[in-house]
């Protein structure tokens, strides 16, 4: 999947465990080495900054997408060679995933969780067809993965929906997970709603 565009969801907390920041930086390095263009939230703190650090250190391409109010708050990373400033959070999410060949979710807060769940929802509805990889550093996403499994088990989702995402433990596993992702098409709409 070389020369592909990946949308990466990650947090901006400066107080999270350093292991999450290290994983984000390593992911940035791995993606840059594999010639992925990284699109992320454009922030200058937390996992966002660490991800950009890794991409920039390896000479990769990184694009920030950030709403106007965050620019005014000086939350934007000034080092980025390419920043797209948008009106609001809704446009930010749309622009980040628009044209993305894949989505990667790192551990983060409510914003990251919302973005990941929206990507899964869009894939269920055939609005987004690319891979979704969850980087499960420190088993952070285990409760969510269990909840998604329960959604399937309780018949709120089809068993085929489990193919929409994959879970890996280490940044180095992400490229292989992206290339091994199950194919997905708009035919998924035939089982999007369980009847």
C-alpha atoms as a PDB file:
ATOM      1  CA  UNK A   1       0.000   0.000   0.000  1.00  0.00           C
ATOM      2  CA  UNK A   2       2.839   2.395  -0.744  1.00  0.00           C
ATOM      3  CA  UNK A   3       2.085   6.029  -1.610  1.00  0.00           C
ATOM      4  CA  UNK A   4      -1.275   5.759   0.099  1.00  0.00           C
ATOM      5  CA  UNK A   5      -2.996   8.414   2.200  1.00  0.00           C
ATOM      6  CA  UNK A   6      -3.751   7.396   5.789  1.00  0.00           C
ATOM      7  CA  UNK A   7      -5.936   9.282   8.234  1.00  0.00           C
ATOM      8  CA  UNK A   8      -4.641   8.934  11.791  1.00  0.00           C
ATOM      9  CA  UNK A   9      -6.798   9.678  14.830  1.00  0.00           C
ATOM     10  CA  UNK A  10      -4.894  10.460  18.022  1.00  0.00           C
ATOM     11  CA  UNK A  11      -5.055  12.532  21.185  1.00  0.00           C
ATOM     12  CA  UNK A  12      -3.613  15.837  22.321  1.00  0.00           C
ATOM     13  CA  UNK A  13      -3.096  15.127  26.032  1.00  0.00           C
ATOM     14  CA  UNK A  14       0.284  16.132  27.425  1.00  0.00           C
ATOM     15  CA  UNK A  15      -0.391  14.143  30.598  1.00  0.00           C
ATOM     16  CA  UNK A  16      -0.935  10.638  29.219  1.00  0.00           C
ATOM     17  CA  UNK A  17       1.618   7.895  29.856  1.00  0.00           C
ATOM     18  CA  UNK A  18       4.773   8.389  27.777  1.00  0.00           C
ATOM     19  CA  UNK A  19       4.313   4.907  26.284  1.00  0.00           C
ATOM     20  CA  UNK A  20       1.461   6.303  24.167  1.00  0.00           C
ATOM     21  CA  UNK A  21       3.597   9.183  22.918  1.00  0.00           C
ATOM     22  CA  UNK A  22       6.421   6.813  22.051  1.00  0.00           C
ATOM     23  CA  UNK A  23       4.040   4.534  20.109  1.00  0.00           C
ATOM     24  CA  UNK A  24       2.658   7.529  18.205  1.00  0.00           C
ATOM     25  CA  UNK A  25       6.139   8.700  17.233  1.00  0.00           C
ATOM     26  CA  UNK A  26       7.124   5.203  16.175  1.00  0.00           C
ATOM     27  CA  UNK A  27       3.972   4.909  14.074  1.00  0.00           C
ATOM     28  CA  UNK A  28       4.874   8.178  12.348  1.00  0.00           C
ATOM     29  CA  UNK A  29       8.321   6.796  11.549  1.00  0.00           C
ATOM     30  CA  UNK A  30       6.901   3.486  10.286  1.00  0.00           C
ATOM     31  CA  UNK A  31       4.360   5.204   8.041  1.00  0.00           C
ATOM     32  CA  UNK A  32       6.959   7.614   6.616  1.00  0.00           C
ATOM     33  CA  UNK A  33       9.399   4.769   5.909  1.00  0.00           C
ATOM     34  CA  UNK A  34       6.621   2.975   4.024  1.00  0.00           C
ATOM     35  CA  UNK A  35       5.819   6.091   1.950  1.00  0.00           C
ATOM     36  CA  UNK A  36       2.384   6.776   3.411  1.00  0.00           C
ATOM     37  CA  UNK A  37       1.084  10.334   3.464  1.00  0.00           C
ATOM     38  CA  UNK A  38      -0.169  10.965   6.995  1.00  0.00           C
ATOM     39  CA  UNK A  39      -3.252  13.136   7.540  1.00  0.00           C
ATOM     40  CA  UNK A  40      -4.000  13.988  11.163  1.00  0.00           C
ATOM     41  CA  UNK A  41      -5.591  16.662  13.361  1.00  0.00           C
ATOM     42  CA  UNK A  42      -2.726  19.162  13.082  1.00  0.00           C
ATOM     43  CA  UNK A  43      -2.220  19.656  16.825  1.00  0.00           C
ATOM     44  CA  UNK A  44       1.086  20.498  18.498  1.00  0.00           C
ATOM     45  CA  UNK A  45       0.626  18.467  21.693  1.00  0.00           C
ATOM     46  CA  UNK A  46       0.326  14.906  22.917  1.00  0.00           C
ATOM     47  CA  UNK A  47       0.172  11.967  20.520  1.00  0.00           C
ATOM     48  CA  UNK A  48      -0.581  14.357  17.671  1.00  0.00           C
ATOM     49  CA  UNK A  49       2.777  16.080  18.086  1.00  0.00           C
ATOM     50  CA  UNK A  50       4.578  12.768  18.580  1.00  0.00           C
ATOM     51  CA  UNK A  51       3.055  11.307  15.417  1.00  0.00           C
ATOM     52  CA  UNK A  52       4.167  14.364  13.417  1.00  0.00           C
ATOM     53  CA  UNK A  53       7.615  14.198  15.065  1.00  0.00           C
ATOM     54  CA  UNK A  54       8.062  10.666  13.751  1.00  0.00           C
ATOM     55  CA  UNK A  55       6.912  11.463  10.212  1.00  0.00           C
ATOM     56  CA  UNK A  56       9.052  14.606  10.008  1.00  0.00           C
ATOM     57  CA  UNK A  57      12.122  12.823  11.426  1.00  0.00           C
ATOM     58  CA  UNK A  58      11.921  10.304   8.587  1.00  0.00           C
ATOM     59  CA  UNK A  59      11.330  12.925   5.898  1.00  0.00           C
ATOM     60  CA  UNK A  60       7.750  11.798   5.301  1.00  0.00           C
ATOM     61  CA  UNK A  61       4.716  13.806   4.253  1.00  0.00           C
ATOM     62  CA  UNK A  62       2.322  14.925   6.976  1.00  0.00           C
ATOM     63  CA  UNK A  63      -0.806  17.045   6.527  1.00  0.00           C
ATOM     64  CA  UNK A  64      -2.621  18.714   9.418  1.00  0.00           C
ATOM     65  CA  UNK A  65      -6.353  19.446   9.326  1.00  0.00           C
ATOM     66  CA  UNK A  66      -7.476  21.846  12.042  1.00  0.00           C
ATOM     67  CA  UNK A  67     -10.479  24.109  12.673  1.00  0.00           C
ATOM     68  CA  UNK A  68     -10.132  27.896  12.813  1.00  0.00           C
ATOM     69  CA  UNK A  69     -10.844  28.178  16.532  1.00  0.00           C
ATOM     70  CA  UNK A  70      -7.916  25.864  17.341  1.00  0.00           C
ATOM     71  CA  UNK A  71      -5.611  27.988  15.205  1.00  0.00           C
ATOM     72  CA  UNK A  72      -6.731  31.045  17.188  1.00  0.00           C
ATOM     73  CA  UNK A  73      -5.963  29.140  20.404  1.00  0.00           C
ATOM     74  CA  UNK A  74      -2.483  28.430  18.956  1.00  0.00           C
ATOM     75  CA  UNK A  75      -3.006  24.657  19.092  1.00  0.00           C
ATOM     76  CA  UNK A  76      -1.733  24.152  15.527  1.00  0.00           C
ATOM     77  CA  UNK A  77       1.721  22.674  14.933  1.00  0.00           C
ATOM     78  CA  UNK A  78       3.697  25.472  13.213  1.00  0.00           C
ATOM     79  CA  UNK A  79       6.283  23.032  11.814  1.00  0.00           C
ATOM     80  CA  UNK A  80       3.872  21.409   9.386  1.00  0.00           C
ATOM     81  CA  UNK A  81       4.645  22.041   5.724  1.00  0.00           C
ATOM     82  CA  UNK A  82       0.952  21.570   4.904  1.00  0.00           C
ATOM     83  CA  UNK A  83      -1.980  22.625   7.099  1.00  0.00           C
ATOM     84  CA  UNK A  84      -5.612  22.759   6.019  1.00  0.00           C
ATOM     85  CA  UNK A  85      -7.667  25.176   8.129  1.00  0.00           C
ATOM     86  CA  UNK A  86     -11.385  24.374   8.189  1.00  0.00           C
ATOM     87  CA  UNK A  87     -14.498  26.004   9.683  1.00  0.00           C
ATOM     88  CA  UNK A  88     -15.378  23.520  12.403  1.00  0.00           C
ATOM     89  CA  UNK A  89     -14.957  20.020  13.839  1.00  0.00           C
ATOM     90  CA  UNK A  90     -17.467  18.496  11.432  1.00  0.00           C
ATOM     91  CA  UNK A  91     -15.547  19.731   8.413  1.00  0.00           C
ATOM     92  CA  UNK A  92     -12.281  18.635  10.012  1.00  0.00           C
ATOM     93  CA  UNK A  93     -13.480  15.035  10.355  1.00  0.00           C
ATOM     94  CA  UNK A  94     -14.839  14.984   6.815  1.00  0.00           C
ATOM     95  CA  UNK A  95     -11.653  16.450   5.310  1.00  0.00           C
ATOM     96  CA  UNK A  96      -9.430  14.038   7.229  1.00  0.00           C
ATOM     97  CA  UNK A  97     -11.188  10.901   5.976  1.00  0.00           C
ATOM     98  CA  UNK A  98     -12.004  12.268   2.519  1.00  0.00           C
ATOM     99  CA  UNK A  99      -9.722  10.569   0.028  1.00  0.00           C
ATOM    100  CA  UNK A 100      -8.088   8.441   2.722  1.00  0.00           C
ATOM    101  CA  UNK A 101      -7.108   4.927   1.730  1.00  0.00           C
ATOM    102  CA  UNK A 102      -6.999   3.858   5.365  1.00  0.00           C
ATOM    103  CA  UNK A 103      -7.793   4.952   8.903  1.00  0.00           C
ATOM    104  CA  UNK A 104      -5.594   4.285  11.925  1.00  0.00           C
ATOM    105  CA  UNK A 105      -6.760   4.969  15.483  1.00  0.00           C
ATOM    106  CA  UNK A 106      -4.287   5.469  18.320  1.00  0.00           C
ATOM    107  CA  UNK A 107      -5.363   5.654  21.954  1.00  0.00           C
ATOM    108  CA  UNK A 108      -6.989   8.972  22.816  1.00  0.00           C
ATOM    109  CA  UNK A 109      -9.909  10.694  24.477  1.00  0.00           C
ATOM    110  CA  UNK A 110     -13.531  11.250  23.530  1.00  0.00           C
ATOM    111  CA  UNK A 111     -12.645  13.023  20.261  1.00  0.00           C
ATOM    112  CA  UNK A 112     -10.518  10.110  19.093  1.00  0.00           C
ATOM    113  CA  UNK A 113     -13.202   7.616  20.089  1.00  0.00           C
ATOM    114  CA  UNK A 114     -15.831   9.623  18.228  1.00  0.00           C
ATOM    115  CA  UNK A 115     -13.696   9.755  15.090  1.00  0.00           C
ATOM    116  CA  UNK A 116     -13.048   6.014  15.189  1.00  0.00           C
ATOM    117  CA  UNK A 117     -16.715   5.186  15.718  1.00  0.00           C
ATOM    118  CA  UNK A 118     -17.718   7.509  12.893  1.00  0.00           C
ATOM    119  CA  UNK A 119     -15.245   5.782  10.549  1.00  0.00           C
ATOM    120  CA  UNK A 120     -16.666   2.380  11.516  1.00  0.00           C
ATOM    121  CA  UNK A 121     -20.211   3.692  11.002  1.00  0.00           C
ATOM    122  CA  UNK A 122     -19.332   5.150   7.598  1.00  0.00           C
ATOM    123  CA  UNK A 123     -17.757   1.859   6.583  1.00  0.00           C
ATOM    124  CA  UNK A 124     -20.853  -0.049   7.694  1.00  0.00           C
ATOM    125  CA  UNK A 125     -22.927   2.238   5.448  1.00  0.00           C
ATOM    126  CA  UNK A 126     -20.543   2.009   2.486  1.00  0.00           C
ATOM    127  CA  UNK A 127     -19.579   5.693   2.691  1.00  0.00           C
ATOM    128  CA  UNK A 128     -15.945   4.817   3.445  1.00  0.00           C
ATOM    129  CA  UNK A 129     -14.456   1.584   2.086  1.00  0.00           C
ATOM    130  CA  UNK A 130     -10.828   1.570   3.250  1.00  0.00           C
ATOM    131  CA  UNK A 131      -9.036  -0.290   6.012  1.00  0.00           C
ATOM    132  CA  UNK A 132      -9.463   0.608   9.681  1.00  0.00           C
ATOM    133  CA  UNK A 133      -6.609  -0.378  11.987  1.00  0.00           C
ATOM    134  CA  UNK A 134      -6.789   0.082  15.734  1.00  0.00           C
ATOM    135  CA  UNK A 135      -3.396   0.426  17.439  1.00  0.00           C
ATOM    136  CA  UNK A 136      -4.049  -1.198  20.797  1.00  0.00           C
ATOM    137  CA  UNK A 137      -1.095   0.151  22.817  1.00  0.00           C
ATOM    138  CA  UNK A 138      -1.217  -1.054  26.446  1.00  0.00           C
ATOM    139  CA  UNK A 139      -4.455  -2.926  25.553  1.00  0.00           C
ATOM    140  CA  UNK A 140      -6.153   0.485  25.594  1.00  0.00           C
ATOM    141  CA  UNK A 141      -8.881  -0.519  23.157  1.00  0.00           C
ATOM    142  CA  UNK A 142      -9.768  -3.885  24.692  1.00  0.00           C
ATOM    143  CA  UNK A 143     -13.003  -2.591  26.305  1.00  0.00           C
ATOM    144  CA  UNK A 144     -14.144  -1.086  22.988  1.00  0.00           C
ATOM    145  CA  UNK A 145     -13.279  -4.228  21.032  1.00  0.00           C
ATOM    146  CA  UNK A 146     -15.278  -6.268  23.556  1.00  0.00           C
ATOM    147  CA  UNK A 147     -18.192  -3.857  23.204  1.00  0.00           C
ATOM    148  CA  UNK A 148     -18.116  -4.110  19.401  1.00  0.00           C
ATOM    149  CA  UNK A 149     -18.029  -7.901  19.708  1.00  0.00           C
ATOM    150  CA  UNK A 150     -21.046  -7.670  21.994  1.00  0.00           C
ATOM    151  CA  UNK A 151     -22.854  -5.460  19.451  1.00  0.00           C
ATOM    152  CA  UNK A 152     -22.385  -8.310  16.981  1.00  0.00           C
ATOM    153  CA  UNK A 153     -23.259 -11.000  19.523  1.00  0.00           C
ATOM    154  CA  UNK A 154     -26.453  -9.191  20.523  1.00  0.00           C
ATOM    155  CA  UNK A 155     -27.386  -8.808  16.814  1.00  0.00           C
ATOM    156  CA  UNK A 156     -27.146  -5.032  16.628  1.00  0.00           C
ATOM    157  CA  UNK A 157     -24.532  -5.642  13.928  1.00  0.00           C
ATOM    158  CA  UNK A 158     -23.989  -8.441  11.429  1.00  0.00           C
ATOM    159  CA  UNK A 159     -21.171 -10.960  11.961  1.00  0.00           C
ATOM    160  CA  UNK A 160     -19.611  -9.663   8.723  1.00  0.00           C
ATOM    161  CA  UNK A 161     -19.147  -6.261  10.344  1.00  0.00           C
ATOM    162  CA  UNK A 162     -16.277  -7.711  12.401  1.00  0.00           C
ATOM    163  CA  UNK A 163     -14.228  -7.589   9.182  1.00  0.00           C
ATOM    164  CA  UNK A 164     -14.421  -3.783   9.111  1.00  0.00           C
ATOM    165  CA  UNK A 165     -11.485  -3.283  11.467  1.00  0.00           C
ATOM    166  CA  UNK A 166      -8.350  -5.026  12.670  1.00  0.00           C
ATOM    167  CA  UNK A 167      -6.442  -4.635  15.913  1.00  0.00           C
ATOM    168  CA  UNK A 168      -2.648  -4.624  16.329  1.00  0.00           C
ATOM    169  CA  UNK A 169      -0.434  -4.160  19.357  1.00  0.00           C
ATOM    170  CA  UNK A 170       2.651  -2.498  17.859  1.00  0.00           C
ATOM    171  CA  UNK A 171       3.232   0.326  15.356  1.00  0.00           C
ATOM    172  CA  UNK A 172       5.430  -1.943  13.247  1.00  0.00           C
ATOM    173  CA  UNK A 173       2.426  -4.210  12.602  1.00  0.00           C
ATOM    174  CA  UNK A 174       0.317  -1.457  11.030  1.00  0.00           C
ATOM    175  CA  UNK A 175       1.526  -1.630   7.376  1.00  0.00           C
ATOM    176  CA  UNK A 176       0.898  -5.375   7.213  1.00  0.00           C
ATOM    177  CA  UNK A 177      -2.540  -4.930   8.807  1.00  0.00           C
ATOM    178  CA  UNK A 178      -3.381  -2.283   6.217  1.00  0.00           C
ATOM    179  CA  UNK A 179      -2.403  -4.476   3.294  1.00  0.00           C
ATOM    180  CA  UNK A 180      -4.153  -7.534   4.783  1.00  0.00           C
ATOM    181  CA  UNK A 181      -7.466  -5.721   5.388  1.00  0.00           C
ATOM    182  CA  UNK A 182     -10.509  -7.538   4.059  1.00  0.00           C
ATOM    183  CA  UNK A 183     -11.919  -5.968   0.886  1.00  0.00           C
ATOM    184  CA  UNK A 184     -15.047  -3.876   1.430  1.00  0.00           C
ATOM    185  CA  UNK A 185     -17.556  -2.517  -1.078  1.00  0.00           C
ATOM    186  CA  UNK A 186     -20.866  -0.698  -1.238  1.00  0.00           C
ATOM    187  CA  UNK A 187     -22.504  -4.152  -1.316  1.00  0.00           C
ATOM    188  CA  UNK A 188     -22.197  -3.955   2.484  1.00  0.00           C
ATOM    189  CA  UNK A 189     -25.372  -1.859   2.397  1.00  0.00           C
ATOM    190  CA  UNK A 190     -27.332  -5.066   1.845  1.00  0.00           C
ATOM    191  CA  UNK A 191     -26.576  -6.094   5.438  1.00  0.00           C
ATOM    192  CA  UNK A 192     -25.984  -2.667   7.029  1.00  0.00           C
ATOM    193  CA  UNK A 193     -29.327  -2.916   8.794  1.00  0.00           C
ATOM    194  CA  UNK A 194     -30.341  -6.231  10.315  1.00  0.00           C
ATOM    195  CA  UNK A 195     -33.896  -7.038   9.299  1.00  0.00           C
END
